[in-house]
Amino acid sequence: MRTSSISVAQAAVYFVGLAMLGLVMVGCGSTETELSAPSYETVVFLHPETGPTGVESVRDALEPADGIVTFVGQEESFEEFRRFFEGDDVAERVSVSEMPPSLRLRTDGPLAEGLRSDLEAHPAVRAIVEPGSELAEQPDPDPRAGLTIVYLRADAGVAGREAINDVLADYEGRYFVGQEETLEEFRAFYIADSAQIESIAAHQMPPSWRIDLRGDQLDPNVVVALEASSFVREVIQPANE
């Protein structure tokens, strides 16, 4: 079982597309330090077929935001996807060319409404994920907000769901996302339209417990208990800003 630390928007990425599936690790491809970077992250997913010209066009469109922009390519996305699905044939059914590249913007706050509208209209843009956005299902665009996600093994079943619910009993507002819902998210947001993924079944998806801790982290004793559980596949927590 792995415990990972990710920033607010990266947690949203995990949630939305199963870029929730470990799409990119913290700081991947970045030349900036986590300590010096602004704390609010927006992820702009591009269509898989987007070439260098399209990437630069979207990067230029992000300039008014005056933030730090990091590009995450298809190869990086694919490697993280394979890492998460290690040992499962799901990883063998998806190719690098189906991975959505992305531009990750770090700023001190949300996108201006006009800039967001311009990005949504850009032909290279597939989806935009911000803390507080509808896609991320965050109720409040608070830059401190963050999701803690406890992924269960695909075969955890009801026993695993209830066992981890007990471990998280002190955390109000936790909610469970089952395999069917995870599969729908996966197909809707993470992978390009492809006949290759139609055979991926819900039973291969990792269910999860999710908690909005507003940027805080789980109690260390809870993390130890989760790490010791045979039902848990991975724990994703917001990075300390």
Protein backbone atom coordinates (compact mmCIF):
# COMPACT_ATOMS: atom_id res chain seq x y z
CA MET A 1 0.00 0.00 0.00
CA ARG A 2 1.30 3.45 -0.90
CA THR A 3 0.74 6.77 0.85
CA SER A 4 1.11 9.77 -1.44
CA SER A 5 1.07 13.49 -0.88
CA ILE A 6 -0.45 15.70 -3.54
CA SER A 7 -1.55 19.30 -3.82
CA VAL A 8 -5.14 20.50 -3.88
CA ALA A 9 -5.64 20.45 -7.62
CA GLN A 10 -3.83 17.17 -8.01
CA ALA A 11 -6.30 15.65 -5.59
CA ALA A 12 -9.04 17.02 -7.78
CA VAL A 13 -7.39 15.41 -10.75
CA TYR A 14 -7.44 12.07 -8.98
CA PHE A 15 -11.11 12.59 -8.22
CA VAL A 16 -12.23 13.70 -11.63
CA GLY A 17 -10.60 11.42 -14.09
CA LEU A 18 -8.83 8.88 -12.12
CA ALA A 19 -6.04 11.08 -12.82
CA MET A 20 -7.30 10.18 -9.56
CA LEU A 21 -5.37 7.19 -10.68
CA GLY A 22 -2.07 8.78 -9.85
CA LEU A 23 -1.79 10.83 -12.99
CA VAL A 24 1.32 12.80 -12.02
CA MET A 25 3.44 12.94 -8.92
CA VAL A 26 4.12 16.19 -7.08
CA GLY A 27 6.48 18.47 -8.95
CA CYS A 28 6.78 16.20 -11.96
CA GLY A 29 8.61 18.13 -14.67
CA SER A 30 8.69 21.33 -12.66
CA THR A 31 11.77 23.46 -12.12
CA GLU A 32 10.16 25.35 -9.25
CA THR A 33 10.33 24.27 -5.63
CA GLU A 34 7.13 23.43 -3.79
CA LEU A 35 8.06 25.94 -1.10
CA SER A 36 8.32 28.88 -3.50
CA ALA A 37 5.30 28.08 -5.65
CA PRO A 38 1.85 29.60 -5.12
CA SER A 39 -0.59 27.27 -3.45
CA TYR A 40 -3.63 27.26 -5.77
CA GLU A 41 -3.47 24.82 -8.65
CA THR A 42 -5.60 24.62 -11.76
CA VAL A 43 -5.21 21.70 -14.17
CA VAL A 44 -6.05 22.25 -17.83
CA PHE A 45 -6.48 18.91 -19.58
CA LEU A 46 -5.81 18.92 -23.31
CA HIS A 47 -7.14 16.57 -25.95
CA PRO A 48 -4.77 13.64 -26.50
CA GLU A 49 -4.10 14.64 -30.09
CA THR A 50 -2.91 18.12 -29.10
CA GLY A 51 0.50 18.87 -30.60
CA PRO A 52 3.21 21.37 -29.61
CA THR A 53 1.44 24.23 -31.36
CA GLY A 54 -1.76 23.59 -29.41
CA VAL A 55 0.13 23.29 -26.13
CA GLU A 56 1.90 26.59 -26.68
CA SER A 57 -1.36 28.24 -27.67
CA VAL A 58 -2.98 27.20 -24.37
CA ARG A 59 0.16 28.18 -22.47
CA ASP A 60 -0.04 31.63 -24.06
CA ALA A 61 -3.71 31.82 -23.11
CA LEU A 62 -2.72 31.23 -19.47
CA GLU A 63 -0.30 34.16 -19.37
CA PRO A 64 -2.85 36.66 -17.96
CA ALA A 65 -3.10 34.45 -14.85
CA ASP A 66 0.52 35.36 -14.02
CA GLY A 67 1.37 32.01 -12.48
CA ILE A 68 3.77 29.10 -12.76
CA VAL A 69 2.87 26.74 -15.61
CA THR A 70 4.07 23.13 -15.81
CA PHE A 71 3.43 20.85 -18.76
CA VAL A 72 2.71 17.16 -18.14
CA GLY A 73 2.98 15.08 -21.29
CA GLN A 74 1.38 11.87 -22.38
CA GLU A 75 4.39 9.72 -21.51
CA GLU A 76 4.43 10.95 -17.91
CA SER A 77 0.69 10.46 -17.60
CA PHE A 78 0.96 6.98 -19.03
CA GLU A 79 3.73 5.92 -16.65
CA GLU A 80 1.69 7.00 -13.65
CA PHE A 81 -1.38 5.29 -15.04
CA ARG A 82 0.57 2.04 -15.41
CA ARG A 83 1.98 2.40 -11.92
CA PHE A 84 -1.49 2.63 -10.43
CA PHE A 85 -2.82 -0.30 -12.42
CA GLU A 86 0.29 -2.43 -11.92
CA GLY A 87 -0.66 -6.09 -12.08
CA ASP A 88 -4.01 -5.39 -13.78
CA ASP A 89 -4.63 -5.88 -17.49
CA VAL A 90 -6.34 -2.48 -17.64
CA ALA A 91 -2.88 -1.00 -18.15
CA GLU A 92 -2.38 -3.15 -21.23
CA ARG A 93 -5.53 -1.86 -22.93
CA VAL A 94 -4.57 1.79 -23.02
CA SER A 95 -1.83 3.38 -25.07
CA VAL A 96 0.28 6.50 -24.59
CA SER A 97 -1.62 8.18 -27.41
CA GLU A 98 -4.86 8.01 -25.39
CA MET A 99 -3.45 9.90 -22.40
CA PRO A 100 -4.53 13.55 -22.01
CA PRO A 101 -1.57 15.90 -21.63
CA SER A 102 -2.13 18.81 -19.28
CA LEU A 103 -0.93 22.23 -18.26
CA ARG A 104 -0.83 22.82 -14.52
CA LEU A 105 -1.11 26.41 -13.35
CA ARG A 106 -0.09 27.49 -9.87
CA THR A 107 -1.41 30.87 -8.75
CA ASP A 108 -2.66 32.61 -5.62
CA GLY A 109 -6.33 32.12 -6.48
CA PRO A 110 -8.97 30.97 -8.98
CA LEU A 111 -8.98 31.77 -12.67
CA ALA A 112 -10.69 35.00 -13.65
CA GLU A 113 -14.10 34.23 -15.13
CA GLY A 114 -13.16 35.69 -18.51
CA LEU A 115 -9.96 33.66 -18.70
CA ARG A 116 -11.77 30.48 -17.76
CA SER A 117 -14.37 31.12 -20.48
CA ASP A 118 -11.61 31.67 -23.04
CA LEU A 119 -9.95 28.41 -22.05
CA GLU A 120 -13.21 26.47 -22.20
CA ALA A 121 -13.69 27.73 -25.75
CA HIS A 122 -10.17 26.78 -26.82
CA PRO A 123 -10.25 23.84 -29.25
CA ALA A 124 -7.30 22.12 -27.56
CA VAL A 125 -8.84 22.13 -24.07
CA ARG A 126 -10.68 19.01 -22.90
CA ALA A 127 -11.46 19.94 -19.28
CA ILE A 128 -10.46 22.39 -16.56
CA VAL A 129 -10.18 21.32 -12.94
CA GLU A 130 -9.92 23.84 -10.12
CA PRO A 131 -10.37 23.47 -6.37
CA GLY A 132 -14.03 24.31 -5.94
CA SER A 133 -14.96 23.54 -9.52
CA GLU A 134 -18.05 21.54 -10.45
CA LEU A 135 -15.84 18.79 -11.87
CA ALA A 136 -13.95 18.42 -8.64
CA GLU A 137 -17.20 18.51 -6.65
CA GLN A 138 -15.71 20.87 -4.08
CA PRO A 139 -18.46 22.92 -2.42
CA ASP A 140 -16.29 25.96 -1.74
CA PRO A 141 -13.56 27.47 -3.95
CA ASP A 142 -11.33 27.83 -0.91
CA PRO A 143 -7.65 27.48 -1.96
CA ARG A 144 -7.01 25.66 1.32
CA ALA A 145 -9.49 22.96 0.39
CA GLY A 146 -8.17 19.50 -0.36
CA LEU A 147 -9.44 15.99 -0.78
CA THR A 148 -8.03 13.05 1.10
CA ILE A 149 -8.73 9.88 -0.88
CA VAL A 150 -8.38 6.37 0.49
CA TYR A 151 -8.38 3.95 -2.43
CA LEU A 152 -9.45 0.42 -1.66
CA ARG A 153 -8.42 -2.66 -3.55
CA ALA A 154 -10.81 -3.57 -6.31
CA ASP A 155 -11.78 -6.77 -4.49
CA ALA A 156 -12.29 -5.11 -1.06
CA GLY A 157 -16.05 -5.67 -1.17
CA VAL A 158 -18.53 -4.65 1.49
CA ALA A 159 -16.26 -5.91 4.27
CA GLY A 160 -13.47 -3.60 3.11
CA ARG A 161 -15.81 -0.66 2.74
CA GLU A 162 -17.13 -1.04 6.27
CA ALA A 163 -13.72 -1.74 7.80
CA ILE A 164 -12.24 1.47 6.40
CA ASN A 165 -15.38 3.39 7.30
CA ASP A 166 -14.72 2.36 10.89
CA VAL A 167 -11.10 3.54 10.69
CA LEU A 168 -12.32 6.94 9.41
CA ALA A 169 -15.21 7.16 11.87
CA ASP A 170 -13.97 10.41 13.45
CA TYR A 171 -14.01 12.27 10.14
CA GLU A 172 -17.37 13.85 9.36
CA GLY A 173 -18.37 14.43 5.78
CA ARG A 174 -16.60 11.36 4.42
CA TYR A 175 -18.31 9.71 1.49
CA PHE A 176 -17.89 6.52 -0.46
CA VAL A 177 -17.41 6.32 -4.23
CA GLY A 178 -18.13 2.87 -5.61
CA GLN A 179 -16.74 1.04 -8.58
CA GLU A 180 -19.57 1.87 -10.97
CA GLU A 181 -19.29 5.59 -10.28
CA THR A 182 -15.51 5.44 -10.57
CA LEU A 183 -15.79 3.74 -13.94
CA GLU A 184 -18.15 6.46 -15.17
CA GLU A 185 -15.72 9.17 -14.06
CA PHE A 186 -12.88 7.30 -15.68
CA ARG A 187 -14.61 7.02 -19.03
CA ALA A 188 -15.98 10.55 -18.97
CA PHE A 189 -12.89 12.51 -18.10
CA TYR A 190 -9.64 10.61 -18.18
CA ILE A 191 -9.37 8.67 -21.41
CA ALA A 192 -10.08 9.79 -24.93
CA ASP A 193 -13.00 8.13 -26.66
CA SER A 194 -11.68 4.71 -27.56
CA ALA A 195 -13.13 1.31 -28.27
CA GLN A 196 -10.18 -0.15 -26.37
CA ILE A 197 -11.58 0.90 -23.00
CA GLU A 198 -15.11 -0.37 -23.55
CA SER A 199 -14.11 -3.75 -22.19
CA ILE A 200 -12.86 -2.26 -18.92
CA ALA A 201 -15.33 -3.34 -16.26
CA ALA A 202 -16.44 -1.73 -13.01
CA HIS A 203 -14.97 -4.56 -10.96
CA GLN A 204 -11.50 -3.43 -12.06
CA MET A 205 -11.95 0.07 -10.64
CA PRO A 206 -10.75 1.00 -7.14
CA PRO A 207 -13.57 2.21 -4.88
CA SER A 208 -12.63 4.90 -2.40
CA TRP A 209 -13.49 6.85 0.71
CA ARG A 210 -13.08 10.60 0.25
CA ILE A 211 -12.87 13.38 2.80
CA ASP A 212 -12.60 17.15 2.44
CA LEU A 213 -10.18 18.16 5.22
CA ARG A 214 -9.66 21.71 3.96
CA GLY A 215 -5.98 21.08 3.32
CA ASP A 216 -5.31 19.25 6.59
CA GLN A 217 -3.99 15.72 6.74
CA LEU A 218 -5.16 12.57 8.45
CA ASP A 219 -4.03 11.86 11.97
CA PRO A 220 -0.76 9.87 11.79
CA ASN A 221 -2.31 7.05 13.82
CA VAL A 222 -5.12 6.79 11.28
CA VAL A 223 -2.58 6.64 8.46
CA VAL A 224 -0.78 3.80 10.27
CA ALA A 225 -4.07 1.92 10.60
CA LEU A 226 -4.83 2.42 6.92
CA GLU A 227 -1.36 1.30 5.88
CA ALA A 228 -1.82 -1.86 7.92
CA SER A 229 -5.13 -2.72 6.28
CA SER A 230 -5.17 -5.37 3.57
CA PHE A 231 -8.15 -3.57 2.02
CA VAL A 232 -6.28 -0.34 1.23
CA ARG A 233 -4.47 0.20 -2.03
CA GLU A 234 -3.30 3.81 -1.70
CA VAL A 235 -3.85 6.91 0.43
CA ILE A 236 -3.77 10.29 -1.29
CA GLN A 237 -3.43 13.37 0.90
CA PRO A 238 -3.12 17.09 0.15
CA ALA A 239 0.44 18.32 0.49
CA ASN A 240 1.18 20.67 3.36
CA GLU A 241 1.45 24.15 1.88
